[in-house]
Protein backbone atom coordinates (compact mmCIF):
# COMPACT_ATOMS: atom_id res chain seq x y z
CA MET A 1 17.69 216.91 -44.96
CA ASP A 2 19.70 215.94 -41.88
CA ASP A 3 21.54 212.66 -42.50
CA ARG A 4 23.96 212.76 -39.54
CA LEU A 5 24.77 209.30 -38.25
CA PRO A 6 24.14 208.32 -34.64
CA PRO A 7 27.35 208.31 -32.57
CA MET A 8 27.38 204.68 -31.38
CA PRO A 9 27.88 201.66 -33.71
CA GLY A 10 24.82 199.84 -32.32
CA GLN A 11 22.68 202.93 -32.88
CA ARG A 12 23.87 203.04 -36.47
CA LEU A 13 22.75 199.44 -36.98
CA ALA A 14 19.42 200.26 -35.31
CA ARG A 15 18.90 203.12 -37.76
CA GLY A 16 19.28 200.77 -40.72
CA VAL A 17 16.99 198.20 -39.07
CA VAL A 18 14.30 200.83 -38.45
CA ARG A 19 14.50 201.94 -42.08
CA MET A 20 14.03 198.36 -43.28
CA LEU A 21 11.17 197.66 -40.87
CA ALA A 22 9.40 200.83 -41.99
CA THR A 23 9.55 199.67 -45.62
CA LEU A 24 7.83 196.44 -44.49
CA GLY A 25 5.00 198.44 -42.94
CA HIS A 26 6.13 197.91 -39.34
CA ALA A 27 5.83 200.43 -36.52
CA PRO A 28 9.37 200.33 -35.02
CA LEU A 29 10.47 201.94 -31.77
CA CYS A 30 14.07 202.20 -30.53
CA GLU A 31 15.34 201.86 -26.97
CA PHE A 32 12.19 200.37 -25.46
CA VAL A 33 12.00 199.15 -21.85
CA PRO A 34 9.67 196.11 -21.66
CA ALA A 35 10.35 195.58 -17.94
CA PRO A 36 12.57 197.16 -15.30
CA GLY A 37 16.22 196.32 -15.97
CA LEU A 38 15.66 195.48 -19.65
CA ARG A 39 16.11 197.73 -22.70
CA VAL A 40 15.72 196.42 -26.22
CA ASP A 41 17.38 198.15 -29.15
CA VAL A 42 14.33 197.94 -31.46
CA ILE A 43 10.81 196.67 -30.89
CA SER A 44 8.44 196.63 -33.82
CA VAL A 45 4.79 195.88 -34.44
CA THR A 46 4.09 194.26 -37.81
CA PRO A 47 1.01 195.06 -39.90
CA GLN A 48 -0.37 191.69 -38.73
CA GLY A 49 0.19 192.60 -35.06
CA GLU A 50 3.27 190.46 -34.41
CA ILE A 51 5.84 191.90 -32.06
CA TRP A 52 9.46 191.66 -33.14
CA ILE A 53 12.49 192.51 -31.03
CA VAL A 54 15.82 193.23 -32.71
CA GLU A 55 19.06 193.39 -30.75
CA CYS A 56 21.88 195.22 -32.56
CA LYS A 57 25.39 193.92 -31.99
CA SER A 58 28.33 195.80 -33.42
CA CYS A 59 31.17 193.52 -32.29
CA ARG A 60 32.07 190.35 -30.39
CA ALA A 61 32.64 192.27 -27.13
CA ASP A 62 29.18 193.86 -27.42
CA PHE A 63 27.59 190.41 -27.79
CA ASN A 64 29.65 188.83 -24.99
CA ALA A 65 28.74 191.65 -22.59
CA ASP A 66 24.99 191.21 -23.18
CA ARG A 67 23.67 189.05 -20.33
CA LYS A 68 20.03 190.13 -20.62
CA TRP A 69 18.93 189.21 -24.14
CA GLN A 70 17.18 185.96 -23.16
CA GLY A 71 14.90 188.02 -20.93
CA TYR A 72 13.64 189.80 -24.05
CA LEU A 73 12.17 186.59 -25.50
CA GLU A 74 9.09 186.73 -23.29
CA PHE A 75 8.13 190.10 -24.82
CA CYS A 76 8.07 189.22 -28.53
CA ASP A 77 6.72 186.83 -31.14
CA ARG A 78 10.02 186.83 -33.04
CA PHE A 79 13.55 187.67 -31.88
CA PHE A 80 16.32 188.86 -34.22
CA TRP A 81 19.95 189.85 -34.04
CA ALA A 82 21.11 192.70 -36.27
CA ILE A 83 24.77 192.72 -37.16
CA GLY A 84 27.16 194.47 -39.50
CA ALA A 85 29.19 192.82 -42.23
CA ASP A 86 32.24 192.31 -39.98
CA PHE A 87 30.43 190.62 -37.09
CA PRO A 88 31.20 186.89 -36.60
CA ALA A 89 27.66 185.54 -37.17
CA GLU A 90 28.63 182.06 -35.91
CA LEU A 91 28.52 183.48 -32.35
CA LEU A 92 24.75 183.97 -32.55
CA PRO A 93 22.19 181.32 -31.63
CA GLU A 94 20.80 179.65 -34.75
CA ASP A 95 17.27 179.49 -33.34
CA SER A 96 16.86 183.27 -33.66
CA GLY A 97 16.48 185.57 -36.63
CA LEU A 98 19.37 187.36 -38.31
CA ILE A 99 19.37 190.78 -39.93
CA LEU A 100 22.34 192.20 -41.81
CA ALA A 101 22.43 195.95 -41.34
CA ASP A 102 24.33 199.16 -41.83
CA PRO A 103 23.27 202.75 -41.08
CA TYR A 104 21.36 203.04 -44.36
CA GLY A 105 19.31 199.86 -44.46
CA ALA A 106 19.08 196.20 -43.62
CA GLU A 107 17.84 192.85 -44.86
CA VAL A 108 16.53 189.75 -43.15
CA ALA A 109 19.10 186.99 -43.69
CA ARG A 110 17.27 184.42 -41.52
CA MET A 111 13.66 184.69 -40.40
CA ALA A 112 13.14 184.18 -36.69
CA PRO A 113 10.88 181.28 -35.77
CA PRO A 114 7.57 182.37 -34.26
CA ASP A 115 6.91 181.98 -30.55
CA ARG A 116 3.45 183.47 -30.03
CA LEU A 117 2.89 185.64 -26.98
CA ALA A 118 0.00 184.91 -24.65
CA ALA A 119 -2.94 187.29 -25.14
CA ALA A 120 -2.49 189.10 -21.81
CA ARG A 121 1.25 189.65 -22.40
CA ARG A 122 0.60 190.83 -26.00
CA SER A 123 -1.98 193.32 -24.76
CA ARG A 124 0.41 194.71 -22.15
CA VAL A 125 3.36 194.99 -24.56
CA LEU A 126 1.24 196.68 -27.23
CA ARG A 127 -0.15 199.13 -24.65
CA ASP A 128 3.34 199.94 -23.36
CA VAL A 129 4.76 200.41 -26.87
CA ALA A 130 1.86 202.71 -27.79
CA ARG A 131 2.22 204.78 -24.61
CA THR A 132 5.99 205.09 -25.00
CA ALA A 133 5.72 206.13 -28.66
CA ALA A 134 2.92 208.63 -27.96
CA CYS A 135 4.83 210.22 -25.08
CA ARG A 136 8.00 210.51 -27.17
CA LEU A 137 6.07 212.20 -29.98
CA ALA A 138 4.36 214.60 -27.57
CA ARG A 139 7.74 215.41 -25.97
CA LEU A 140 9.19 216.19 -29.41
CA ASN A 141 6.29 218.51 -30.18
CA ASP A 142 6.34 220.22 -26.76
CA PRO A 143 9.52 219.55 -24.75
CA GLN A 144 8.48 221.90 -21.95
CA GLY A 145 5.09 220.20 -21.64
CA PHE A 146 6.54 217.10 -20.02
CA ALA A 147 7.99 216.90 -16.54
CA GLU A 148 11.32 215.12 -16.12
CA GLY A 149 10.76 211.38 -16.03
CA ASP A 150 7.50 211.36 -18.06
């Protein structure tokens, strides 16, 4: 079993978040691009079809440098921050969810309030998540089968 940790602190948090989401029956996907210029750390589809976005913040500077997170809200039903034990949680908006994470797992400390997506937006996001996940899996199974940029 390969248990090497990802190199970046945010990626380590994302790993723990993905592990937790999987135990809840979610279908999580890391590093998803919902629109040009945006990249979310984790997007996840719940068993009920809700779309969650989780942004992983490893330190104050990481949070302060993030100018795009409000753009992610239009692509999810619930928005969460994932932080480590040393992160100053008081920096985060209280009207979003909070996940406490480390590389090995995570727990929801505050559930994000729902903000239901419109049907057309939900359909597009679900299609894009499915296509991205399928292409990543195919690329893993046959790296030479995909042209650069697929």
